[in-house]
């Protein structure tokens, strides 16, 4: 039996950060992981997804290059992409192992189960601890319909042996939209099927409309207001019956219909930890559960499901338990991006939410053809939107659809956290020619 000050269950982004910070503050820390270091983000999420996004954009880049005088053959090989992706992720595993070791964190391999508020079993070993931090993330959810065993989730998609000719993506969230754009960019005949009337619920509706239009123009088939009734496989393909009575055929069906907190069979409820109906650990402002020694952060608490937020929460728990004073995460003005093609990035409030909170707001929008497109036949326009609280002139929302949206909006998020006003942006001199400068000059005019 081993004894620690903090036992972290789950070596994803949140768990690793919490373990390293706590160890740096002098705590005796162990982290338990049954699969791979890095969790969802590093292995079947943010990192490999971004690599696939990059791969999917080269086709359009090659077409655009013709206008700039480039010629030459182009051929894509899926197996090369996946092999190189796997090699890159394996290197990250080594990096995380080294970081944990250098911090003095003990890594325990295996499946964890709480035996009580201060004891966890891993295999045949019982480990005692003063505190437990649950950071087990989430898992894909597949709807219950006949034939669901034939679908894949985003987890499996990163390891497909071959690229399908036809793909059907189920869902309307950012994972579904991103994979629909990835498949389409790689030349797959792609359909996105969503039960709602629009995708990306919670994002600014005007920005979503711009992205939806761009996806259609790039060749993604969008089917709203329907879902799968049943699915069968024959010798040549998957046949998908929709609730509308229509039938679609595809070589691959990807279910990206949401994720659930990964809390099954951890012994949480038996230990007295309160869970929501979805299985999320219920925590207070300091991430403490109903059992005083058990904390939880990241996707497992189903609050803000973003990797940087989970990392901040993990760090906050470590400081609160072992630092000189408690630390809490500020959830205002958290930037986020949908790595579709084109990208959608956002920070702050949507126009609808801003009007509900502040009453009178001003919105400033622009759509323009980026300089990069001037010598190409690709006429996709970039969209930008600022939302300003009228009484204070403070910027409360920023939304963008276009190339490098995430990179540009990240910088504006810093300005918003500092209380930037529209007057301040107007007084700032931009870099010319650049897309980012349009946020400094927009006057509700289209260029």
Protein backbone atom coordinates (compact mmCIF):
# COMPACT_ATOMS: atom_id res chain seq x y z
CA UNK A 1 0.00 0.00 0.00
CA UNK A 2 1.28 3.44 -0.99
CA UNK A 3 0.23 6.76 0.50
CA UNK A 4 -0.02 10.13 -1.29
CA UNK A 5 -1.29 13.65 -0.71
CA UNK A 6 -3.05 13.74 -4.10
CA UNK A 7 -4.14 10.90 -6.32
CA UNK A 8 -5.17 12.00 -9.83
CA UNK A 9 -7.36 9.66 -11.86
CA UNK A 10 -6.82 10.34 -15.54
CA UNK A 11 -3.62 11.52 -17.25
CA UNK A 12 -5.22 13.89 -19.72
CA UNK A 13 -4.52 17.60 -20.03
CA UNK A 14 -6.26 18.54 -16.76
CA UNK A 15 -4.87 15.65 -14.72
CA UNK A 16 -1.29 16.12 -15.87
CA UNK A 17 -1.35 19.85 -15.15
CA UNK A 18 -2.86 19.31 -11.70
CA UNK A 19 -0.32 16.62 -10.86
CA UNK A 20 2.67 18.65 -11.98
CA UNK A 21 1.57 21.83 -10.20
CA UNK A 22 0.72 19.98 -6.98
CA UNK A 23 4.09 18.20 -7.01
CA UNK A 24 5.79 21.52 -7.59
CA UNK A 25 4.05 22.85 -4.49
CA UNK A 26 5.52 20.02 -2.43
CA UNK A 27 2.72 17.44 -2.49
CA UNK A 28 3.29 13.70 -2.88
CA UNK A 29 1.40 12.98 -6.09
CA UNK A 30 0.48 9.93 -8.14
CA UNK A 31 -1.46 9.86 -11.40
CA UNK A 32 -3.38 6.83 -12.66
CA UNK A 33 -3.95 6.12 -16.35
CA UNK A 34 -5.31 2.96 -17.97
CA UNK A 35 -4.77 3.95 -21.63
CA UNK A 36 -2.34 6.58 -22.83
CA UNK A 37 -0.77 9.75 -21.49
CA UNK A 38 -2.30 12.95 -22.79
CA UNK A 39 -5.94 11.88 -22.71
CA UNK A 40 -8.48 12.70 -25.42
CA UNK A 41 -6.89 15.95 -26.60
CA UNK A 42 -3.48 14.51 -27.41
CA UNK A 43 -4.57 11.09 -28.69
CA UNK A 44 -8.05 11.30 -30.24
CA UNK A 45 -8.94 14.97 -30.04
CA UNK A 46 -7.45 18.43 -30.51
CA UNK A 47 -3.93 17.56 -31.62
CA UNK A 48 -4.49 14.79 -34.21
CA UNK A 49 -7.65 16.55 -35.39
CA UNK A 50 -5.68 19.71 -36.16
CA UNK A 51 -3.18 17.62 -38.13
CA UNK A 52 -6.03 16.20 -40.20
CA UNK A 53 -7.44 19.70 -40.65
CA UNK A 54 -4.12 20.88 -42.07
CA UNK A 55 -4.04 17.92 -44.43
CA UNK A 56 -7.56 18.61 -45.66
CA UNK A 57 -6.78 22.23 -46.59
CA UNK A 58 -3.92 21.55 -48.98
CA UNK A 59 -6.24 20.64 -51.86
CA UNK A 60 -7.68 24.16 -51.95
CA UNK A 61 -4.21 25.59 -51.42
CA UNK A 62 -2.95 23.71 -54.47
CA UNK A 63 -5.86 25.03 -56.54
CA UNK A 64 -5.20 28.58 -55.34
CA UNK A 65 -1.49 28.21 -56.15
CA UNK A 66 -2.31 27.97 -59.88
CA UNK A 67 -3.18 31.68 -59.90
CA UNK A 68 0.25 32.39 -58.46
CA UNK A 69 2.05 30.53 -61.21
CA UNK A 70 2.53 27.09 -59.59
CA UNK A 71 2.08 23.89 -61.59
CA UNK A 72 2.57 20.23 -60.82
CA UNK A 73 0.86 16.91 -59.96
CA UNK A 74 -0.75 16.36 -56.57
CA UNK A 75 -1.66 13.01 -54.98
CA UNK A 76 -2.92 12.28 -51.46
CA UNK A 77 -2.15 9.13 -49.45
CA UNK A 78 -4.23 8.57 -46.30
CA UNK A 79 -1.95 5.87 -44.88
CA UNK A 80 1.04 8.22 -44.92
CA UNK A 81 -0.93 10.88 -43.05
CA UNK A 82 -2.07 8.44 -40.35
CA UNK A 83 1.38 6.88 -39.94
CA UNK A 84 3.03 10.29 -39.55
CA UNK A 85 0.27 11.38 -37.16
CA UNK A 86 0.80 8.30 -35.01
CA UNK A 87 4.54 8.90 -34.88
CA UNK A 88 4.00 12.50 -33.79
CA UNK A 89 1.58 11.48 -31.03
CA UNK A 90 3.99 8.81 -29.79
CA UNK A 91 6.61 11.52 -29.33
CA UNK A 92 4.14 13.48 -27.22
CA UNK A 93 3.66 10.43 -24.98
CA UNK A 94 7.38 10.48 -24.27
CA UNK A 95 7.27 14.22 -23.57
CA UNK A 96 4.48 13.82 -21.01
CA UNK A 97 6.20 10.88 -19.32
CA UNK A 98 9.35 12.96 -18.98
CA UNK A 99 7.47 15.99 -17.64
CA UNK A 100 5.74 13.92 -14.99
CA UNK A 101 8.94 12.16 -14.02
CA UNK A 102 10.88 15.41 -13.78
CA UNK A 103 8.13 16.83 -11.54
CA UNK A 104 8.37 13.85 -9.20
CA UNK A 105 4.92 12.48 -10.01
CA UNK A 106 4.44 8.71 -9.70
CA UNK A 107 2.69 7.23 -12.74
CA UNK A 108 0.47 4.22 -12.01
CA UNK A 109 -0.85 2.19 -14.95
CA UNK A 110 -4.26 0.55 -14.69
CA UNK A 111 -7.96 1.04 -14.08
CA UNK A 112 -8.83 3.02 -10.95
CA UNK A 113 -11.83 2.49 -8.68
CA UNK A 114 -12.61 4.36 -5.50
CA UNK A 115 -12.90 2.17 -2.42
CA UNK A 116 -13.75 5.13 -0.22
CA UNK A 117 -13.04 8.86 0.18
CA UNK A 118 -9.32 8.26 0.76
CA UNK A 119 -8.57 4.95 -0.95
CA UNK A 120 -8.33 3.86 -4.59
CA UNK A 121 -7.76 0.39 -6.01
CA UNK A 122 -5.66 -0.14 -9.14
CA UNK A 123 -5.52 -3.79 -10.08
CA UNK A 124 -4.64 -5.65 -6.88
CA UNK A 125 -3.11 -2.60 -5.20
CA UNK A 126 -4.91 -0.27 -2.80
CA UNK A 127 -3.51 3.26 -2.65
CA UNK A 128 -4.36 5.70 0.13
CA UNK A 129 -4.47 9.43 -0.34
CA UNK A 130 -5.52 12.63 1.34
CA UNK A 131 -7.27 13.94 -1.77
CA UNK A 132 -8.58 12.42 -5.01
CA UNK A 133 -8.90 14.38 -8.25
CA UNK A 134 -11.12 12.84 -10.92
CA UNK A 135 -10.00 14.01 -14.37
CA UNK A 136 -11.23 11.18 -16.59
CA UNK A 137 -12.68 13.37 -19.35
CA UNK A 138 -15.49 12.30 -21.64
CA UNK A 139 -16.40 9.58 -24.11
CA UNK A 140 -18.32 9.63 -27.42
CA UNK A 141 -22.08 9.11 -27.30
CA UNK A 142 -23.79 7.07 -30.01
CA UNK A 143 -27.61 7.36 -30.32
CA UNK A 144 -29.65 4.22 -29.84
CA UNK A 145 -30.98 3.04 -33.22
CA UNK A 146 -30.98 -0.31 -35.04
CA UNK A 147 -27.60 -0.85 -36.65
CA UNK A 148 -25.66 1.50 -34.36
CA UNK A 149 -22.92 -1.15 -34.15
CA UNK A 150 -21.93 -0.25 -37.73
CA UNK A 151 -21.02 3.39 -36.98
CA UNK A 152 -17.66 4.74 -35.86
CA UNK A 153 -16.95 7.61 -33.49
CA UNK A 154 -14.27 10.28 -33.70
CA UNK A 155 -12.00 8.01 -31.62
CA UNK A 156 -11.88 5.34 -34.32
CA UNK A 157 -11.75 7.80 -37.21
CA UNK A 158 -8.17 8.73 -36.35
CA UNK A 159 -7.12 5.14 -37.06
CA UNK A 160 -9.11 4.27 -40.20
CA UNK A 161 -7.17 1.94 -42.50
CA UNK A 162 -8.52 3.66 -45.59
CA UNK A 163 -10.35 6.82 -46.51
CA UNK A 164 -13.99 6.19 -47.51
CA UNK A 165 -15.40 7.34 -50.84
CA UNK A 166 -18.64 8.46 -49.17
CA UNK A 167 -19.00 9.59 -45.56
CA UNK A 168 -22.10 10.43 -43.55
CA UNK A 169 -21.42 12.50 -40.42
CA UNK A 170 -24.10 12.55 -37.74
CA UNK A 171 -24.35 15.60 -35.49
CA UNK A 172 -24.32 19.38 -35.50
CA UNK A 173 -21.65 20.24 -32.94
CA UNK A 174 -18.07 21.30 -33.54
CA UNK A 175 -16.75 17.72 -33.82
CA UNK A 176 -19.28 16.84 -36.52
CA UNK A 177 -18.67 20.06 -38.45
CA UNK A 178 -14.89 19.70 -38.26
CA UNK A 179 -14.87 16.09 -39.49
CA UNK A 180 -17.32 16.90 -42.27
CA UNK A 181 -14.89 19.57 -43.47
CA UNK A 182 -11.90 17.23 -43.08
CA UNK A 183 -13.51 14.49 -45.16
CA UNK A 184 -14.70 16.97 -47.78
CA UNK A 185 -11.28 18.58 -48.03
CA UNK A 186 -9.68 15.18 -48.61
CA UNK A 187 -11.99 14.51 -51.54
CA UNK A 188 -14.61 12.36 -49.80
CA UNK A 189 -18.24 12.78 -50.85
CA UNK A 190 -19.52 14.08 -47.51
CA UNK A 191 -22.97 14.59 -46.01
CA UNK A 192 -23.62 16.16 -42.61
CA UNK A 193 -26.90 15.02 -41.05
CA UNK A 194 -28.31 16.95 -38.09
CA UNK A 195 -31.68 16.75 -36.38
CA UNK A 196 -31.78 20.51 -35.72
CA UNK A 197 -32.44 23.37 -38.12
CA UNK A 198 -28.86 24.67 -37.89
CA UNK A 199 -25.51 23.45 -36.61
CA UNK A 200 -23.24 24.83 -33.88
CA UNK A 201 -25.80 25.72 -31.26
CA UNK A 202 -24.52 28.41 -28.92
CA UNK A 203 -22.42 30.22 -31.50
CA UNK A 204 -23.47 33.53 -33.07
CA UNK A 205 -26.19 32.74 -35.59
CA UNK A 206 -24.87 35.16 -38.21
CA UNK A 207 -21.40 33.62 -38.04
CA UNK A 208 -22.89 30.11 -38.25
CA UNK A 209 -24.91 31.12 -41.32
CA UNK A 210 -21.73 32.35 -43.01
CA UNK A 211 -19.89 29.11 -42.22
CA UNK A 212 -22.84 26.99 -43.36
CA UNK A 213 -22.92 28.84 -46.68
CA UNK A 214 -19.18 28.33 -47.14
CA UNK A 215 -19.40 24.62 -46.35
CA UNK A 216 -22.12 24.16 -48.95
CA UNK A 217 -20.12 26.06 -51.55
CA UNK A 218 -17.11 23.84 -50.81
CA UNK A 219 -19.21 20.73 -51.46
CA UNK A 220 -20.43 19.50 -48.07
CA UNK A 221 -24.03 18.28 -48.30
CA UNK A 222 -25.97 19.59 -45.30
CA UNK A 223 -29.15 17.80 -44.27
CA UNK A 224 -31.04 19.42 -41.40
CA UNK A 225 -34.25 18.37 -39.66
CA UNK A 226 -33.65 14.62 -39.87
CA UNK A 227 -31.84 11.82 -38.07
CA UNK A 228 -31.09 8.14 -38.48
CA UNK A 229 -33.98 5.73 -37.99
CA UNK A 230 -31.97 2.59 -38.77
CA UNK A 231 -28.80 1.42 -40.47
CA UNK A 232 -27.93 -1.78 -42.28
CA UNK A 233 -24.85 -3.05 -44.09
CA UNK A 234 -24.92 -4.90 -47.41
CA UNK A 235 -22.09 -6.20 -49.53
CA UNK A 236 -21.07 -2.82 -50.92
CA UNK A 237 -22.09 -0.09 -48.45
CA UNK A 238 -24.09 1.08 -45.47
CA UNK A 239 -27.74 1.88 -46.08
CA UNK A 240 -29.13 4.57 -43.80
CA UNK A 241 -32.87 5.01 -43.34
CA UNK A 242 -33.79 8.51 -42.14
CA UNK A 243 -36.71 9.55 -39.97
CA UNK A 244 -38.04 11.40 -43.03
CA UNK A 245 -38.35 8.10 -44.91
CA UNK A 246 -35.43 8.84 -47.20
CA UNK A 247 -32.50 6.47 -47.70
CA UNK A 248 -28.82 7.38 -47.94
CA UNK A 249 -25.86 5.18 -48.82
CA UNK A 250 -22.37 5.65 -47.44
CA UNK A 251 -19.13 3.76 -46.97
CA UNK A 252 -18.64 5.17 -43.46
CA UNK A 253 -21.02 6.64 -40.89
CA UNK A 254 -19.39 8.76 -38.20
CA UNK A 255 -21.45 9.50 -35.11
CA UNK A 256 -20.41 12.84 -33.60
CA UNK A 257 -23.55 13.46 -31.58
CA UNK A 258 -21.95 14.60 -28.36
CA UNK A 259 -19.87 13.24 -25.51
CA UNK A 260 -20.73 12.06 -22.00
CA UNK A 261 -18.69 12.39 -18.79
CA UNK A 262 -16.48 9.34 -18.35
CA UNK A 263 -17.52 8.29 -14.84
CA UNK A 264 -18.81 4.73 -15.30
CA UNK A 265 -17.39 2.04 -13.01
CA UNK A 266 -15.15 4.38 -11.03
CA UNK A 267 -16.95 3.73 -7.75
CA UNK A 268 -17.94 7.38 -7.40
CA UNK A 269 -21.61 6.93 -6.52
CA UNK A 270 -20.78 4.13 -4.08
CA UNK A 271 -18.35 6.50 -2.36
CA UNK A 272 -21.08 9.12 -2.00
CA UNK A 273 -20.11 11.40 -4.89
CA UNK A 274 -23.18 13.05 -6.42
CA UNK A 275 -23.51 12.67 -10.20
CA UNK A 276 -25.86 14.40 -12.65
CA UNK A 277 -28.28 12.51 -14.88
CA UNK A 278 -25.60 12.58 -17.60
CA UNK A 279 -23.03 11.17 -15.18
CA UNK A 280 -21.13 14.39 -14.54
CA UNK A 281 -19.50 14.91 -11.15
CA UNK A 282 -21.31 17.72 -9.34
CA UNK A 283 -18.80 20.18 -7.89
CA UNK A 284 -18.77 23.56 -6.16
CA UNK A 285 -16.80 26.67 -7.17
CA UNK A 286 -13.58 25.04 -5.95
CA UNK A 287 -14.27 21.77 -7.83
CA UNK A 288 -15.01 19.88 -4.63
CA UNK A 289 -17.62 17.14 -4.91
CA UNK A 290 -20.20 16.11 -2.31
CA UNK A 291 -17.38 14.09 -0.71
CA UNK A 292 -14.97 16.63 0.77
CA UNK A 293 -11.80 14.78 -0.23
CA UNK A 294 -12.87 14.15 -3.85
CA UNK A 295 -12.45 16.84 -6.52
CA UNK A 296 -13.16 16.80 -10.25
CA UNK A 297 -12.23 18.96 -13.24
CA UNK A 298 -12.45 19.04 -17.02
CA UNK A 299 -15.01 17.33 -19.23
CA UNK A 300 -16.00 15.01 -16.39
CA UNK A 301 -17.80 17.93 -14.69
CA UNK A 302 -19.58 18.85 -17.96
CA UNK A 303 -19.11 22.59 -17.47
CA UNK A 304 -16.96 24.18 -20.20
CA UNK A 305 -15.61 21.37 -22.35
CA UNK A 306 -12.42 22.93 -23.66
CA UNK A 307 -8.88 21.67 -23.08
CA UNK A 308 -7.40 25.01 -21.94
CA UNK A 309 -10.26 25.39 -19.46
CA UNK A 310 -9.63 21.90 -18.08
CA UNK A 311 -5.94 22.74 -17.68
CA UNK A 312 -6.81 25.93 -15.80
CA UNK A 313 -9.20 24.01 -13.54
CA UNK A 314 -6.57 21.39 -12.77
CA UNK A 315 -4.08 24.08 -11.86
CA UNK A 316 -6.67 25.81 -9.68
CA UNK A 317 -7.31 22.64 -7.66
CA UNK A 318 -3.59 22.12 -7.08
CA UNK A 319 -3.13 25.71 -5.87
CA UNK A 320 -6.24 25.56 -3.70
CA UNK A 321 -5.14 22.35 -1.97
CA UNK A 322 -1.41 22.92 -1.67
CA UNK A 323 -0.66 26.55 -2.49
CA UNK A 324 -0.58 29.62 -0.25
CA UNK A 325 -4.10 30.65 -1.29
CA UNK A 326 -7.09 29.28 -3.25
CA UNK A 327 -7.30 29.85 -6.99
CA UNK A 328 -10.45 30.00 -9.11
CA UNK A 329 -10.96 30.06 -12.86
CA UNK A 330 -12.59 33.10 -14.46
CA UNK A 331 -14.98 31.80 -17.12
CA UNK A 332 -15.68 35.18 -18.71
CA UNK A 333 -14.43 35.78 -22.25
CA UNK A 334 -13.12 32.29 -23.00
CA UNK A 335 -12.11 32.13 -26.68
CA UNK A 336 -12.97 29.08 -28.72
CA UNK A 337 -12.70 27.94 -32.32
CA UNK A 338 -14.33 25.48 -34.66
CA UNK A 339 -11.57 24.20 -36.93
CA UNK A 340 -13.87 23.84 -39.88
CA UNK A 341 -12.83 25.09 -43.30
CA UNK A 342 -13.18 28.03 -43.15
CA UNK A 343 -12.50 28.47 -39.42
CA UNK A 344 -15.00 29.97 -37.03
CA UNK A 345 -13.58 31.60 -33.91
CA UNK A 346 -15.39 33.42 -31.14
CA UNK A 347 -14.90 35.08 -27.78
CA UNK A 348 -17.51 36.67 -25.56
CA UNK A 349 -21.23 36.91 -26.16
CA UNK A 350 -23.32 36.22 -29.22
CA UNK A 351 -25.42 39.13 -30.43
CA UNK A 352 -28.57 37.54 -29.01
CA UNK A 353 -26.99 36.94 -25.60
CA UNK A 354 -25.51 40.45 -25.53
CA UNK A 355 -28.90 42.04 -26.18
CA UNK A 356 -30.49 39.92 -23.49
CA UNK A 357 -27.82 40.93 -20.95
CA UNK A 358 -27.21 44.58 -21.81
CA UNK A 359 -30.27 45.69 -23.75
CA UNK A 360 -28.72 48.19 -26.11
CA UNK A 361 -25.71 47.00 -28.07
CA UNK A 362 -24.12 47.92 -31.38
CA UNK A 363 -22.94 45.30 -33.82
CA UNK A 364 -20.30 46.02 -36.43
CA UNK A 365 -19.82 43.55 -39.27
CA UNK A 366 -17.77 43.27 -42.41
CA UNK A 367 -17.28 40.77 -45.22
CA UNK A 368 -14.35 41.10 -47.55
CA UNK A 369 -12.24 39.17 -50.03
CA UNK A 370 -8.85 38.44 -48.42
CA UNK A 371 -5.77 39.58 -50.33
CA UNK A 372 -4.70 35.95 -50.65
CA UNK A 373 -7.72 35.26 -52.88
CA UNK A 374 -7.10 38.09 -55.36
CA UNK A 375 -5.20 35.94 -57.87
CA UNK A 376 -7.40 32.85 -57.49
CA UNK A 377 -10.80 31.73 -58.67
CA UNK A 378 -11.75 31.01 -55.04
CA UNK A 379 -13.96 33.94 -53.98
CA UNK A 380 -14.80 32.96 -50.40
CA UNK A 381 -15.14 36.08 -48.25
CA UNK A 382 -14.03 36.51 -44.67
CA UNK A 383 -16.64 37.54 -42.08
CA UNK A 384 -15.97 39.56 -38.94
CA UNK A 385 -18.30 40.84 -36.25
CA UNK A 386 -17.86 43.02 -33.18
CA UNK A 387 -20.55 43.42 -30.52
CA UNK A 388 -20.27 46.53 -28.35
CA UNK A 389 -22.17 47.42 -25.20
CA UNK A 390 -23.57 50.84 -26.09
CA UNK A 391 -23.47 52.42 -22.64
CA UNK A 392 -19.80 51.69 -21.93
CA UNK A 393 -18.47 51.20 -25.49
CA UNK A 394 -16.90 47.96 -24.18
CA UNK A 395 -16.42 45.10 -26.64
CA UNK A 396 -18.42 42.11 -25.39
CA UNK A 397 -18.33 39.81 -28.40
CA UNK A 398 -15.98 38.99 -31.27
CA UNK A 399 -16.80 36.52 -34.05
CA UNK A 400 -14.92 35.61 -37.20
CA UNK A 401 -15.24 33.14 -40.07
CA UNK A 402 -12.24 32.88 -42.36
CA UNK A 403 -8.58 31.99 -42.69
CA UNK A 404 -6.60 32.14 -39.42
CA UNK A 405 -9.70 33.04 -37.41
CA UNK A 406 -8.42 31.26 -34.30
CA UNK A 407 -5.06 33.03 -34.39
CA UNK A 408 -6.66 36.46 -34.81
CA UNK A 409 -9.43 36.06 -32.25
CA UNK A 410 -6.96 34.77 -29.64
CA UNK A 411 -5.27 38.17 -29.64
CA UNK A 412 -8.56 40.01 -29.32
CA UNK A 413 -9.48 37.82 -26.35
CA UNK A 414 -6.57 39.36 -24.44
CA UNK A 415 -7.86 42.84 -25.27
CA UNK A 416 -11.36 41.93 -24.12
CA UNK A 417 -10.08 40.57 -20.80
CA UNK A 418 -8.38 43.94 -20.35
CA UNK A 419 -11.69 45.78 -20.96
CA UNK A 420 -11.01 47.02 -24.51
CA UNK A 421 -13.53 49.42 -26.04
CA UNK A 422 -14.50 50.06 -29.66
CA UNK A 423 -12.87 53.49 -29.37
CA UNK A 424 -9.61 51.81 -28.41
CA UNK A 425 -9.75 49.52 -31.45
CA UNK A 426 -10.53 52.52 -33.67
CA UNK A 427 -7.44 54.29 -32.33
CA UNK A 428 -5.16 51.29 -32.91
CA UNK A 429 -3.10 51.24 -36.10
CA UNK A 430 -3.33 47.97 -37.97
CA UNK A 431 -0.83 45.91 -39.95
CA UNK A 432 -1.45 46.36 -43.67
CA UNK A 433 -2.31 44.38 -45.66
CA UNK A 434 -3.71 41.82 -43.24
CA UNK A 435 -7.09 40.37 -42.40
CA UNK A 436 -6.69 41.23 -38.71
CA UNK A 437 -6.62 44.96 -39.43
CA UNK A 438 -10.26 44.81 -40.51
CA UNK A 439 -11.26 44.46 -36.84
CA UNK A 440 -9.72 47.93 -36.35
CA UNK A 441 -11.43 49.63 -39.28
CA UNK A 442 -14.89 48.10 -39.62
CA UNK A 443 -17.73 50.59 -39.94
CA UNK A 444 -20.52 48.27 -41.05
CA UNK A 445 -19.26 48.46 -44.59
CA UNK A 446 -18.60 45.62 -47.03
CA UNK A 447 -15.44 45.77 -49.10
